[in-house]
Amino acid sequence: MFLNLNHQKLDLYTASRLFVLECYKLSKQLPADEKFGMISQIRRAALSVHLNIAEGSSRKSEVERKRYYEISRGSIIEIDAAVDIANDLSYLGNFNLEQLGIQMIRCFKMLTALINSQMKS
């Protein structure tokens, strides 16, 4: 926001930001008794996606950058698993998952491509 660094120009950074917003919208649909469980976990994982992209982009070492991107991708997988459980528990009956799914897949693919490009260097 204030630093105006290169990672903020990445399409992935913009995509992950939108993904975080979708995750927060989803978490608002969950029951209040999940405040310290699923809601907290989904929000932490969503922020982890975005923050690890930012921090990884600042690393000089390709190995370090790749590791941050892998953590970010792992957090996406964690959110996907949590959404599965929320759906199984019928928590998402009135929530349209389309935008969340679009953003999740977009971020996952972009991160995978970035990780793979780090491996080839």
PDB file of N, CA and C in Angstrom:
ATOM      1  N   MET A   1       0.819  -1.189   0.000  1.00  0.00           N
ATOM      2  CA  MET A   1       0.000   0.000   0.000  1.00  0.00           C
ATOM      3  C   MET A   1       0.869   1.262   0.000  1.00  0.00           C
ATOM      4  N   PHE A   2       1.809   1.325   0.912  1.00  0.00           N
ATOM      5  CA  PHE A   2       2.644   2.521   1.030  1.00  0.00           C
ATOM      6  C   PHE A   2       3.991   2.383   0.329  1.00  0.00           C
ATOM      7  N   LEU A   3       4.491   1.153   0.232  1.00  0.00           N
ATOM      8  CA  LEU A   3       5.852   0.945  -0.266  1.00  0.00           C
ATOM      9  C   LEU A   3       5.981   0.964  -1.783  1.00  0.00           C
ATOM     10  N   ASN A   4       4.917   0.652  -2.503  1.00  0.00           N
ATOM     11  CA  ASN A   4       4.933   0.649  -3.965  1.00  0.00           C
ATOM     12  C   ASN A   4       6.078  -0.206  -4.516  1.00  0.00           C
ATOM     13  N   LEU A   5       6.061  -1.493  -4.162  1.00  0.00           N
ATOM     14  CA  LEU A   5       7.099  -2.427  -4.576  1.00  0.00           C
ATOM     15  C   LEU A   5       6.652  -3.248  -5.786  1.00  0.00           C
ATOM     16  N   ASN A   6       7.592  -3.942  -6.392  1.00  0.00           N
ATOM     17  CA  ASN A   6       7.325  -4.671  -7.628  1.00  0.00           C
ATOM     18  C   ASN A   6       6.258  -5.752  -7.497  1.00  0.00           C
ATOM     19  N   HIS A   7       6.166  -6.415  -6.341  1.00  0.00           N
ATOM     20  CA  HIS A   7       5.188  -7.497  -6.208  1.00  0.00           C
ATOM     21  C   HIS A   7       3.757  -6.987  -6.384  1.00  0.00           C
ATOM     22  N   GLN A   8       3.533  -5.719  -6.111  1.00  0.00           N
ATOM     23  CA  GLN A   8       2.195  -5.153  -6.239  1.00  0.00           C
ATOM     24  C   GLN A   8       1.762  -5.029  -7.693  1.00  0.00           C
ATOM     25  N   LYS A   9       2.719  -5.151  -8.614  1.00  0.00           N
ATOM     26  CA  LYS A   9       2.417  -5.077 -10.042  1.00  0.00           C
ATOM     27  C   LYS A   9       2.137  -6.452 -10.643  1.00  0.00           C
ATOM     28  N   LEU A  10       2.364  -7.501  -9.870  1.00  0.00           N
ATOM     29  CA  LEU A  10       2.130  -8.861 -10.359  1.00  0.00           C
ATOM     30  C   LEU A  10       0.638  -9.144 -10.485  1.00  0.00           C
ATOM     31  N   ASP A  11       0.263  -9.805 -11.582  1.00  0.00           N
ATOM     32  CA  ASP A  11      -1.132 -10.240 -11.732  1.00  0.00           C
ATOM     33  C   ASP A  11      -1.517 -11.174 -10.593  1.00  0.00           C
ATOM     34  N   LEU A  12      -0.570 -12.000 -10.170  1.00  0.00           N
ATOM     35  CA  LEU A  12      -0.826 -12.926  -9.077  1.00  0.00           C
ATOM     36  C   LEU A  12      -1.171 -12.189  -7.786  1.00  0.00           C
ATOM     37  N   TYR A  13      -0.497 -11.099  -7.522  1.00  0.00           N
ATOM     38  CA  TYR A  13      -0.765 -10.328  -6.309  1.00  0.00           C
ATOM     39  C   TYR A  13      -2.200  -9.787  -6.329  1.00  0.00           C
ATOM     40  N   THR A  14      -2.609  -9.271  -7.476  1.00  0.00           N
ATOM     41  CA  THR A  14      -3.980  -8.765  -7.628  1.00  0.00           C
ATOM     42  C   THR A  14      -4.987  -9.898  -7.487  1.00  0.00           C
ATOM     43  N   ALA A  15      -4.696 -11.030  -8.115  1.00  0.00           N
ATOM     44  CA  ALA A  15      -5.601 -12.185  -8.049  1.00  0.00           C
ATOM     45  C   ALA A  15      -5.730 -12.703  -6.624  1.00  0.00           C
ATOM     46  N   SER A  16      -4.618 -12.766  -5.910  1.00  0.00           N
ATOM     47  CA  SER A  16      -4.676 -13.284  -4.540  1.00  0.00           C
ATOM     48  C   SER A  16      -5.438 -12.326  -3.621  1.00  0.00           C
ATOM     49  N   ARG A  17      -5.340 -11.061  -3.907  1.00  0.00           N
ATOM     50  CA  ARG A  17      -6.089 -10.068  -3.125  1.00  0.00           C
ATOM     51  C   ARG A  17      -7.594 -10.280  -3.304  1.00  0.00           C
ATOM     52  N   LEU A  18      -8.009 -10.511  -4.538  1.00  0.00           N
ATOM     53  CA  LEU A  18      -9.427 -10.800  -4.802  1.00  0.00           C
ATOM     54  C   LEU A  18      -9.848 -12.112  -4.152  1.00  0.00           C
ATOM     55  N   PHE A  19      -8.952 -13.087  -4.147  1.00  0.00           N
ATOM     56  CA  PHE A  19      -9.235 -14.367  -3.510  1.00  0.00           C
ATOM     57  C   PHE A  19      -9.457 -14.194  -2.005  1.00  0.00           C
ATOM     58  N   VAL A  20      -8.624 -13.390  -1.372  1.00  0.00           N
ATOM     59  CA  VAL A  20      -8.782 -13.125   0.061  1.00  0.00           C
ATOM     60  C   VAL A  20     -10.161 -12.522   0.332  1.00  0.00           C
ATOM     61  N   LEU A  21     -10.559 -11.566  -0.485  1.00  0.00           N
ATOM     62  CA  LEU A  21     -11.870 -10.931  -0.297  1.00  0.00           C
ATOM     63  C   LEU A  21     -12.997 -11.952  -0.424  1.00  0.00           C
ATOM     64  N   GLU A  22     -12.893 -12.855  -1.392  1.00  0.00           N
ATOM     65  CA  GLU A  22     -13.912 -13.897  -1.547  1.00  0.00           C
ATOM     66  C   GLU A  22     -13.946 -14.830  -0.336  1.00  0.00           C
ATOM     67  N   CYS A  23     -12.779 -15.146   0.195  1.00  0.00           N
ATOM     68  CA  CYS A  23     -12.712 -16.006   1.384  1.00  0.00           C
ATOM     69  C   CYS A  23     -13.371 -15.331   2.591  1.00  0.00           C
ATOM     70  N   TYR A  24     -13.153 -14.038   2.718  1.00  0.00           N
ATOM     71  CA  TYR A  24     -13.787 -13.312   3.822  1.00  0.00           C
ATOM     72  C   TYR A  24     -15.301 -13.272   3.654  1.00  0.00           C
ATOM     73  N   LYS A  25     -15.766 -13.112   2.430  1.00  0.00           N
ATOM     74  CA  LYS A  25     -17.210 -13.140   2.174  1.00  0.00           C
ATOM     75  C   LYS A  25     -17.781 -14.500   2.558  1.00  0.00           C
ATOM     76  N   LEU A  26     -17.082 -15.555   2.173  1.00  0.00           N
ATOM     77  CA  LEU A  26     -17.524 -16.900   2.519  1.00  0.00           C
ATOM     78  C   LEU A  26     -17.566 -17.075   4.033  1.00  0.00           C
ATOM     79  N   SER A  27     -16.530 -16.615   4.711  1.00  0.00           N
ATOM     80  CA  SER A  27     -16.453 -16.822   6.165  1.00  0.00           C
ATOM     81  C   SER A  27     -17.578 -16.108   6.909  1.00  0.00           C
ATOM     82  N   LYS A  28     -18.088 -15.042   6.319  1.00  0.00           N
ATOM     83  CA  LYS A  28     -19.216 -14.331   6.944  1.00  0.00           C
ATOM     84  C   LYS A  28     -20.508 -15.147   6.883  1.00  0.00           C
ATOM     85  N   GLN A  29     -20.544 -16.149   6.023  1.00  0.00           N
ATOM     86  CA  GLN A  29     -21.730 -17.000   5.887  1.00  0.00           C
ATOM     87  C   GLN A  29     -21.730 -18.164   6.869  1.00  0.00           C
ATOM     88  N   LEU A  30     -20.598 -18.399   7.486  1.00  0.00           N
ATOM     89  CA  LEU A  30     -20.489 -19.530   8.400  1.00  0.00           C
ATOM     90  C   LEU A  30     -21.139 -19.207   9.744  1.00  0.00           C
ATOM     91  N   PRO A  31     -21.608 -20.228  10.442  1.00  0.00           N
ATOM     92  CA  PRO A  31     -22.272 -19.991  11.727  1.00  0.00           C
ATOM     93  C   PRO A  31     -21.331 -19.365  12.762  1.00  0.00           C
ATOM     94  N   ALA A  32     -21.899 -18.577  13.633  1.00  0.00           N
ATOM     95  CA  ALA A  32     -21.121 -17.870  14.655  1.00  0.00           C
ATOM     96  C   ALA A  32     -20.319 -18.820  15.538  1.00  0.00           C
ATOM     97  N   ASP A  33     -20.831 -20.028  15.755  1.00  0.00           N
ATOM     98  CA  ASP A  33     -20.095 -20.960  16.618  1.00  0.00           C
ATOM     99  C   ASP A  33     -18.821 -21.500  15.943  1.00  0.00           C
ATOM    100  N   GLU A  34     -18.602 -21.139  14.694  1.00  0.00           N
ATOM    101  CA  GLU A  34     -17.362 -21.484  13.995  1.00  0.00           C
ATOM    102  C   GLU A  34     -16.332 -20.357  14.054  1.00  0.00           C
ATOM    103  N   LYS A  35     -16.620 -19.324  14.846  1.00  0.00           N
ATOM    104  CA  LYS A  35     -15.745 -18.147  14.913  1.00  0.00           C
ATOM    105  C   LYS A  35     -14.296 -18.511  15.216  1.00  0.00           C
ATOM    106  N   PHE A  36     -14.085 -19.407  16.151  1.00  0.00           N
ATOM    107  CA  PHE A  36     -12.722 -19.762  16.547  1.00  0.00           C
ATOM    108  C   PHE A  36     -12.241 -21.040  15.862  1.00  0.00           C
ATOM    109  N   GLY A  37     -13.040 -21.553  14.964  1.00  0.00           N
ATOM    110  CA  GLY A  37     -12.683 -22.760  14.219  1.00  0.00           C
ATOM    111  C   GLY A  37     -12.517 -22.438  12.755  1.00  0.00           C
ATOM    112  N   MET A  38     -13.506 -22.806  12.001  1.00  0.00           N
ATOM    113  CA  MET A  38     -13.430 -22.703  10.554  1.00  0.00           C
ATOM    114  C   MET A  38     -13.273 -21.269  10.050  1.00  0.00           C
ATOM    115  N   ILE A  39     -13.977 -20.339  10.643  1.00  0.00           N
ATOM    116  CA  ILE A  39     -13.887 -18.938  10.197  1.00  0.00           C
ATOM    117  C   ILE A  39     -12.459 -18.431  10.356  1.00  0.00           C
ATOM    118  N   SER A  40     -11.913 -18.615  11.528  1.00  0.00           N
ATOM    119  CA  SER A  40     -10.556 -18.168  11.808  1.00  0.00           C
ATOM    120  C   SER A  40      -9.547 -18.863  10.893  1.00  0.00           C
ATOM    121  N   GLN A  41      -9.713 -20.152  10.692  1.00  0.00           N
ATOM    122  CA  GLN A  41      -8.771 -20.922   9.880  1.00  0.00           C
ATOM    123  C   GLN A  41      -8.805 -20.484   8.412  1.00  0.00           C
ATOM    124  N   ILE A  42      -9.992 -20.295   7.867  1.00  0.00           N
ATOM    125  CA  ILE A  42     -10.112 -19.862   6.472  1.00  0.00           C
ATOM    126  C   ILE A  42      -9.517 -18.470   6.297  1.00  0.00           C
ATOM    127  N   ARG A  43      -9.777 -17.583   7.214  1.00  0.00           N
ATOM    128  CA  ARG A  43      -9.235 -16.222   7.107  1.00  0.00           C
ATOM    129  C   ARG A  43      -7.715 -16.213   7.225  1.00  0.00           C
ATOM    130  N   ARG A  44      -7.183 -16.985   8.165  1.00  0.00           N
ATOM    131  CA  ARG A  44      -5.722 -17.044   8.315  1.00  0.00           C
ATOM    132  C   ARG A  44      -5.071 -17.631   7.068  1.00  0.00           C
ATOM    133  N   ALA A  45      -5.669 -18.684   6.542  1.00  0.00           N
ATOM    134  CA  ALA A  45      -5.111 -19.308   5.342  1.00  0.00           C
ATOM    135  C   ALA A  45      -5.199 -18.367   4.143  1.00  0.00           C
ATOM    136  N   ALA A  46      -6.307 -17.636   4.017  1.00  0.00           N
ATOM    137  CA  ALA A  46      -6.462 -16.693   2.904  1.00  0.00           C
ATOM    138  C   ALA A  46      -5.408 -15.593   2.986  1.00  0.00           C
ATOM    139  N   LEU A  47      -5.215 -15.053   4.161  1.00  0.00           N
ATOM    140  CA  LEU A  47      -4.174 -14.033   4.331  1.00  0.00           C
ATOM    141  C   LEU A  47      -2.794 -14.616   4.054  1.00  0.00           C
ATOM    142  N   SER A  48      -2.585 -15.866   4.435  1.00  0.00           N
ATOM    143  CA  SER A  48      -1.313 -16.532   4.184  1.00  0.00           C
ATOM    144  C   SER A  48      -1.018 -16.611   2.690  1.00  0.00           C
ATOM    145  N   VAL A  49      -2.034 -16.867   1.890  1.00  0.00           N
ATOM    146  CA  VAL A  49      -1.846 -16.909   0.442  1.00  0.00           C
ATOM    147  C   VAL A  49      -1.259 -15.584  -0.029  1.00  0.00           C
ATOM    148  N   HIS A  50      -1.933 -14.516   0.305  1.00  0.00           N
ATOM    149  CA  HIS A  50      -1.562 -13.175  -0.162  1.00  0.00           C
ATOM    150  C   HIS A  50      -0.228 -12.709   0.431  1.00  0.00           C
ATOM    151  N   LEU A  51      -0.053 -12.903   1.723  1.00  0.00           N
ATOM    152  CA  LEU A  51       1.145 -12.405   2.392  1.00  0.00           C
ATOM    153  C   LEU A  51       2.401 -13.173   1.982  1.00  0.00           C
ATOM    154  N   ASN A  52       2.276 -14.471   1.744  1.00  0.00           N
ATOM    155  CA  ASN A  52       3.444 -15.240   1.315  1.00  0.00           C
ATOM    156  C   ASN A  52       3.846 -14.912  -0.118  1.00  0.00           C
ATOM    157  N   ILE A  53       2.895 -14.523  -0.935  1.00  0.00           N
ATOM    158  CA  ILE A  53       3.238 -14.050  -2.283  1.00  0.00           C
ATOM    159  C   ILE A  53       4.042 -12.758  -2.165  1.00  0.00           C
ATOM    160  N   ALA A  54       3.580 -11.854  -1.331  1.00  0.00           N
ATOM    161  CA  ALA A  54       4.285 -10.582  -1.144  1.00  0.00           C
ATOM    162  C   ALA A  54       5.679 -10.811  -0.576  1.00  0.00           C
ATOM    163  N   GLU A  55       5.764 -11.602   0.481  1.00  0.00           N
ATOM    164  CA  GLU A  55       7.065 -11.816   1.111  1.00  0.00           C
ATOM    165  C   GLU A  55       8.003 -12.608   0.209  1.00  0.00           C
ATOM    166  N   GLY A  56       7.481 -13.621  -0.469  1.00  0.00           N
ATOM    167  CA  GLY A  56       8.311 -14.409  -1.367  1.00  0.00           C
ATOM    168  C   GLY A  56       8.887 -13.578  -2.495  1.00  0.00           C
ATOM    169  N   SER A  57       8.101 -12.655  -2.985  1.00  0.00           N
ATOM    170  CA  SER A  57       8.561 -11.794  -4.082  1.00  0.00           C
ATOM    171  C   SER A  57       9.734 -10.924  -3.683  1.00  0.00           C
ATOM    172  N   SER A  58       9.876 -10.673  -2.405  1.00  0.00           N
ATOM    173  CA  SER A  58      10.957  -9.806  -1.935  1.00  0.00           C
ATOM    174  C   SER A  58      12.265 -10.564  -1.706  1.00  0.00           C
ATOM    175  N   ARG A  59      12.224 -11.891  -1.786  1.00  0.00           N
ATOM    176  CA  ARG A  59      13.409 -12.703  -1.515  1.00  0.00           C
ATOM    177  C   ARG A  59      14.354 -12.716  -2.713  1.00  0.00           C
ATOM    178  N   LYS A  60      15.634 -12.632  -2.431  1.00  0.00           N
ATOM    179  CA  LYS A  60      16.655 -12.628  -3.485  1.00  0.00           C
ATOM    180  C   LYS A  60      16.896 -14.030  -4.048  1.00  0.00           C
ATOM    181  N   SER A  61      16.865 -15.003  -3.179  1.00  0.00           N
ATOM    182  CA  SER A  61      17.147 -16.382  -3.572  1.00  0.00           C
ATOM    183  C   SER A  61      15.926 -17.020  -4.239  1.00  0.00           C
ATOM    184  N   GLU A  62      16.151 -17.679  -5.374  1.00  0.00           N
ATOM    185  CA  GLU A  62      15.057 -18.380  -6.061  1.00  0.00           C
ATOM    186  C   GLU A  62      14.501 -19.509  -5.198  1.00  0.00           C
ATOM    187  N   VAL A  63      15.374 -20.174  -4.459  1.00  0.00           N
ATOM    188  CA  VAL A  63      14.942 -21.262  -3.579  1.00  0.00           C
ATOM    189  C   VAL A  63      14.004 -20.724  -2.504  1.00  0.00           C
ATOM    190  N   GLU A  64      14.369 -19.599  -1.912  1.00  0.00           N
ATOM    191  CA  GLU A  64      13.518 -18.984  -0.890  1.00  0.00           C
ATOM    192  C   GLU A  64      12.190 -18.527  -1.476  1.00  0.00           C
ATOM    193  N   ARG A  65      12.235 -17.868  -2.630  1.00  0.00           N
ATOM    194  CA  ARG A  65      10.997 -17.410  -3.283  1.00  0.00           C
ATOM    195  C   ARG A  65      10.071 -18.587  -3.538  1.00  0.00           C
ATOM    196  N   LYS A  66      10.627 -19.637  -4.089  1.00  0.00           N
ATOM    197  CA  LYS A  66       9.837 -20.833  -4.394  1.00  0.00           C
ATOM    198  C   LYS A  66       9.174 -21.382  -3.132  1.00  0.00           C
ATOM    199  N   ARG A  67       9.903 -21.405  -2.035  1.00  0.00           N
ATOM    200  CA  ARG A  67       9.352 -21.931  -0.776  1.00  0.00           C
ATOM    201  C   ARG A  67       8.149 -21.098  -0.310  1.00  0.00           C
ATOM    202  N   TYR A  68       8.243 -19.789  -0.388  1.00  0.00           N
ATOM    203  CA  TYR A  68       7.111 -18.941  -0.002  1.00  0.00           C
ATOM    204  C   TYR A  68       5.910 -19.177  -0.916  1.00  0.00           C
ATOM    205  N   TYR A  69       6.181 -19.345  -2.204  1.00  0.00           N
ATOM    206  CA  TYR A  69       5.091 -19.605  -3.147  1.00  0.00           C
ATOM    207  C   TYR A  69       4.452 -20.970  -2.888  1.00  0.00           C
ATOM    208  N   GLU A  70       5.271 -21.942  -2.490  1.00  0.00           N
ATOM    209  CA  GLU A  70       4.727 -23.260  -2.148  1.00  0.00           C
ATOM    210  C   GLU A  70       3.843 -23.190  -0.904  1.00  0.00           C
ATOM    211  N   ILE A  71       4.246 -22.412   0.074  1.00  0.00           N
ATOM    212  CA  ILE A  71       3.426 -22.226   1.282  1.00  0.00           C
ATOM    213  C   ILE A  71       2.107 -21.568   0.897  1.00  0.00           C
ATOM    214  N   SER A  72       2.183 -20.581   0.032  1.00  0.00           N
ATOM    215  CA  SER A  72       0.983 -19.891  -0.438  1.00  0.00           C
ATOM    216  C   SER A  72       0.036 -20.877  -1.127  1.00  0.00           C
ATOM    217  N   ARG A  73       0.583 -21.693  -2.000  1.00  0.00           N
ATOM    218  CA  ARG A  73      -0.245 -22.684  -2.710  1.00  0.00           C
ATOM    219  C   ARG A  73      -0.835 -23.697  -1.733  1.00  0.00           C
ATOM    220  N   GLY A  74      -0.067 -24.088  -0.730  1.00  0.00           N
ATOM    221  CA  GLY A  74      -0.577 -24.998   0.291  1.00  0.00           C
ATOM    222  C   GLY A  74      -1.762 -24.409   1.045  1.00  0.00           C
ATOM    223  N   SER A  75      -1.729 -23.112   1.267  1.00  0.00           N
ATOM    224  CA  SER A  75      -2.846 -22.445   1.945  1.00  0.00           C
ATOM    225  C   SER A  75      -4.103 -22.466   1.086  1.00  0.00           C
ATOM    226  N   ILE A  76      -3.946 -22.387  -0.225  1.00  0.00           N
ATOM    227  CA  ILE A  76      -5.106 -22.499  -1.115  1.00  0.00           C
ATOM    228  C   ILE A  76      -5.728 -23.884  -0.983  1.00  0.00           C
ATOM    229  N   ILE A  77      -4.871 -24.909  -0.945  1.00  0.00           N
ATOM    230  CA  ILE A  77      -5.361 -26.282  -0.799  1.00  0.00           C
ATOM    231  C   ILE A  77      -6.077 -26.444   0.543  1.00  0.00           C
ATOM    232  N   GLU A  78      -5.556 -25.813   1.575  1.00  0.00           N
ATOM    233  CA  GLU A  78      -6.180 -25.846   2.903  1.00  0.00           C
ATOM    234  C   GLU A  78      -7.587 -25.226   2.856  1.00  0.00           C
ATOM    235  N   ILE A  79      -7.723 -24.106   2.181  1.00  0.00           N
ATOM    236  CA  ILE A  79      -9.027 -23.449   2.067  1.00  0.00           C
ATOM    237  C   ILE A  79     -10.004 -24.329   1.299  1.00  0.00           C
ATOM    238  N   ASP A  80      -9.528 -24.943   0.225  1.00  0.00           N
ATOM    239  CA  ASP A  80     -10.385 -25.831  -0.561  1.00  0.00           C
ATOM    240  C   ASP A  80     -10.919 -26.966   0.307  1.00  0.00           C
ATOM    241  N   ALA A  81     -10.060 -27.530   1.149  1.00  0.00           N
ATOM    242  CA  ALA A  81     -10.480 -28.614   2.047  1.00  0.00           C
ATOM    243  C   ALA A  81     -11.496 -28.107   3.075  1.00  0.00           C
ATOM    244  N   ALA A  82     -11.285 -26.906   3.588  1.00  0.00           N
ATOM    245  CA  ALA A  82     -12.225 -26.332   4.561  1.00  0.00           C
ATOM    246  C   ALA A  82     -13.583 -26.068   3.919  1.00  0.00           C
ATOM    247  N   VAL A  83     -13.579 -25.623   2.675  1.00  0.00           N
ATOM    248  CA  VAL A  83     -14.838 -25.375   1.960  1.00  0.00           C
ATOM    249  C   VAL A  83     -15.582 -26.698   1.748  1.00  0.00           C
ATOM    250  N   ASP A  84     -14.840 -27.767   1.470  1.00  0.00           N
ATOM    251  CA  ASP A  84     -15.462 -29.096   1.358  1.00  0.00           C
ATOM    252  C   ASP A  84     -16.224 -29.446   2.631  1.00  0.00           C
ATOM    253  N   ILE A  85     -15.575 -29.257   3.771  1.00  0.00           N
ATOM    254  CA  ILE A  85     -16.207 -29.592   5.057  1.00  0.00           C
ATOM    255  C   ILE A  85     -17.396 -28.674   5.325  1.00  0.00           C
ATOM    256  N   ALA A  86     -17.232 -27.377   5.064  1.00  0.00           N
ATOM    257  CA  ALA A  86     -18.334 -26.432   5.263  1.00  0.00           C
ATOM    258  C   ALA A  86     -19.534 -26.828   4.405  1.00  0.00           C
ATOM    259  N   ASN A  87     -19.262 -27.254   3.207  1.00  0.00           N
ATOM    260  CA  ASN A  87     -20.341 -27.691   2.322  1.00  0.00           C
ATOM    261  C   ASN A  87     -20.989 -28.971   2.849  1.00  0.00           C
ATOM    262  N   ASP A  88     -20.171 -29.924   3.311  1.00  0.00           N
ATOM    263  CA  ASP A  88     -20.699 -31.168   3.882  1.00  0.00           C
ATOM    264  C   ASP A  88     -21.589 -30.904   5.089  1.00  0.00           C
ATOM    265  N   LEU A  89     -21.264 -29.860   5.832  1.00  0.00           N
ATOM    266  CA  LEU A  89     -22.045 -29.504   7.026  1.00  0.00           C
ATOM    267  C   LEU A  89     -23.240 -28.610   6.692  1.00  0.00           C
ATOM    268  N   SER A  90     -23.464 -28.383   5.403  1.00  0.00           N
ATOM    269  CA  SER A  90     -24.584 -27.554   4.902  1.00  0.00           C
ATOM    270  C   SER A  90     -24.508 -26.114   5.395  1.00  0.00           C
ATOM    271  N   TYR A  91     -23.287 -25.599   5.566  1.00  0.00           N
ATOM    272  CA  TYR A  91     -23.103 -24.217   5.986  1.00  0.00           C
ATOM    273  C   TYR A  91     -23.227 -23.237   4.820  1.00  0.00           C
ATOM    274  N   LEU A  92     -23.158 -23.728   3.597  1.00  0.00           N
ATOM    275  CA  LEU A  92     -23.035 -22.835   2.440  1.00  0.00           C
ATOM    276  C   LEU A  92     -24.256 -22.845   1.528  1.00  0.00           C
ATOM    277  N   GLY A  93     -25.382 -23.255   2.072  1.00  0.00           N
ATOM    278  CA  GLY A  93     -26.597 -23.401   1.273  1.00  0.00           C
ATOM    279  C   GLY A  93     -26.954 -22.206   0.403  1.00  0.00           C
ATOM    280  N   ASN A  94     -26.848 -21.001   0.925  1.00  0.00           N
ATOM    281  CA  ASN A  94     -27.246 -19.806   0.175  1.00  0.00           C
ATOM    282  C   ASN A  94     -26.070 -19.030  -0.391  1.00  0.00           C
ATOM    283  N   PHE A  95     -24.868 -19.553  -0.246  1.00  0.00           N
ATOM    284  CA  PHE A  95     -23.692 -18.830  -0.718  1.00  0.00           C
ATOM    285  C   PHE A  95     -23.310 -19.312  -2.108  1.00  0.00           C
ATOM    286  N   ASN A  96     -23.143 -18.374  -3.040  1.00  0.00           N
ATOM    287  CA  ASN A  96     -22.727 -18.697  -4.400  1.00  0.00           C
ATOM    288  C   ASN A  96     -21.202 -18.867  -4.406  1.00  0.00           C
ATOM    289  N   LEU A  97     -20.757 -20.078  -4.646  1.00  0.00           N
ATOM    290  CA  LEU A  97     -19.336 -20.397  -4.600  1.00  0.00           C
ATOM    291  C   LEU A  97     -18.590 -20.103  -5.907  1.00  0.00           C
ATOM    292  N   GLU A  98     -19.295 -19.645  -6.923  1.00  0.00           N
ATOM    293  CA  GLU A  98     -18.693 -19.484  -8.246  1.00  0.00           C
ATOM    294  C   GLU A  98     -17.469 -18.564  -8.239  1.00  0.00           C
ATOM    295  N   GLN A  99     -17.605 -17.365  -7.701  1.00  0.00           N
ATOM    296  CA  GLN A  99     -16.473 -16.422  -7.706  1.00  0.00           C
ATOM    297  C   GLN A  99     -15.317 -16.931  -6.863  1.00  0.00           C
ATOM    298  N   LEU A 100     -15.616 -17.536  -5.737  1.00  0.00           N
ATOM    299  CA  LEU A 100     -14.561 -18.110  -4.904  1.00  0.00           C
ATOM    300  C   LEU A 100     -13.802 -19.168  -5.696  1.00  0.00           C
ATOM    301  N   GLY A 101     -14.532 -20.041  -6.368  1.00  0.00           N
ATOM    302  CA  GLY A 101     -13.905 -21.090  -7.162  1.00  0.00           C
ATOM    303  C   GLY A 101     -13.054 -20.541  -8.289  1.00  0.00           C
ATOM    304  N   ILE A 102     -13.566 -19.541  -8.973  1.00  0.00           N
ATOM    305  CA  ILE A 102     -12.823 -18.920 -10.070  1.00  0.00           C
ATOM    306  C   ILE A 102     -11.511 -18.335  -9.556  1.00  0.00           C
ATOM    307  N   GLN A 103     -11.593 -17.585  -8.460  1.00  0.00           N
ATOM    308  CA  GLN A 103     -10.391 -16.954  -7.911  1.00  0.00           C
ATOM    309  C   GLN A 103      -9.419 -17.990  -7.351  1.00  0.00           C
ATOM    310  N   MET A 104      -9.955 -19.038  -6.734  1.00  0.00           N
ATOM    311  CA  MET A 104      -9.097 -20.086  -6.173  1.00  0.00           C
ATOM    312  C   MET A 104      -8.311 -20.779  -7.282  1.00  0.00           C
ATOM    313  N   ILE A 105      -8.999 -21.179  -8.329  1.00  0.00           N
ATOM    314  CA  ILE A 105      -8.343 -21.881  -9.442  1.00  0.00           C
ATOM    315  C   ILE A 105      -7.335 -20.959 -10.124  1.00  0.00           C
ATOM    316  N   ARG A 106      -7.715 -19.711 -10.303  1.00  0.00           N
ATOM    317  CA  ARG A 106      -6.806 -18.747 -10.943  1.00  0.00           C
ATOM    318  C   ARG A 106      -5.503 -18.603 -10.142  1.00  0.00           C
ATOM    319  N   CYS A 107      -5.628 -18.397  -8.840  1.00  0.00           N
ATOM    320  CA  CYS A 107      -4.433 -18.257  -7.987  1.00  0.00           C
ATOM    321  C   CYS A 107      -3.609 -19.534  -7.979  1.00  0.00           C
ATOM    322  N   PHE A 108      -4.279 -20.677  -7.890  1.00  0.00           N
ATOM    323  CA  PHE A 108      -3.574 -21.953  -7.850  1.00  0.00           C
ATOM    324  C   PHE A 108      -2.759 -22.150  -9.127  1.00  0.00           C
ATOM    325  N   LYS A 109      -3.373 -21.890 -10.268  1.00  0.00           N
ATOM    326  CA  LYS A 109      -2.665 -22.054 -11.545  1.00  0.00           C
ATOM    327  C   LYS A 109      -1.497 -21.079 -11.674  1.00  0.00           C
ATOM    328  N   MET A 110      -1.716 -19.846 -11.277  1.00  0.00           N
ATOM    329  CA  MET A 110      -0.653 -18.846 -11.375  1.00  0.00           C
ATOM    330  C   MET A 110       0.514 -19.198 -10.456  1.00  0.00           C
ATOM    331  N   LEU A 111       0.206 -19.638  -9.249  1.00  0.00           N
ATOM    332  CA  LEU A 111       1.259 -20.036  -8.313  1.00  0.00           C
ATOM    333  C   LEU A 111       2.012 -21.259  -8.818  1.00  0.00           C
ATOM    334  N   THR A 112       1.279 -22.221  -9.354  1.00  0.00           N
ATOM    335  CA  THR A 112       1.922 -23.414  -9.884  1.00  0.00           C
ATOM    336  C   THR A 112       2.879 -23.055 -11.008  1.00  0.00           C
ATOM    337  N   ALA A 113       2.449 -22.175 -11.908  1.00  0.00           N
ATOM    338  CA  ALA A 113       3.315 -21.740 -13.001  1.00  0.00           C
ATOM    339  C   ALA A 113       4.555 -21.028 -12.467  1.00  0.00           C
ATOM    340  N   LEU A 114       4.365 -20.192 -11.453  1.00  0.00           N
ATOM    341  CA  LEU A 114       5.489 -19.468 -10.860  1.00  0.00           C
ATOM    342  C   LEU A 114       6.466 -20.421 -10.188  1.00  0.00           C
ATOM    343  N   ILE A 115       5.939 -21.392  -9.458  1.00  0.00           N
ATOM    344  CA  ILE A 115       6.786 -22.394  -8.796  1.00  0.00           C
ATOM    345  C   ILE A 115       7.554 -23.197  -9.839  1.00  0.00           C
ATOM    346  N   ASN A 116       6.875 -23.612 -10.881  1.00  0.00           N
ATOM    347  CA  ASN A 116       7.531 -24.396 -11.937  1.00  0.00           C
ATOM    348  C   ASN A 116       8.610 -23.581 -12.632  1.00  0.00           C
ATOM    349  N   SER A 117       8.384 -22.289 -12.806  1.00  0.00           N
ATOM    350  CA  SER A 117       9.389 -21.450 -13.450  1.00  0.00           C
ATOM    351  C   SER A 117      10.626 -21.279 -12.556  1.00  0.00           C
ATOM    352  N   GLN A 118      10.427 -21.311 -11.255  1.00  0.00           N
ATOM    353  CA  GLN A 118      11.545 -21.217 -10.314  1.00  0.00           C
ATOM    354  C   GLN A 118      12.396 -22.482 -10.372  1.00  0.00           C
ATOM    355  N   MET A 119      11.780 -23.613 -10.669  1.00  0.00           N
ATOM    356  CA  MET A 119      12.479 -24.884 -10.718  1.00  0.00           C
ATOM    357  C   MET A 119      13.371 -24.958 -11.963  1.00  0.00           C
ATOM    358  N   LYS A 120      12.963 -24.295 -13.025  1.00  0.00           N
ATOM    359  CA  LYS A 120      13.701 -24.378 -14.293  1.00  0.00           C
ATOM    360  C   LYS A 120      14.881 -23.430 -14.333  1.00  0.00           C
ATOM    361  N   SER A 121      14.878 -22.461 -13.434  1.00  0.00           N
ATOM    362  CA  SER A 121      15.961 -21.464 -13.461  1.00  0.00           C
ATOM    363  C   SER A 121      17.243 -22.022 -12.912  1.00  0.00           C
TER     364      SER A 121
END
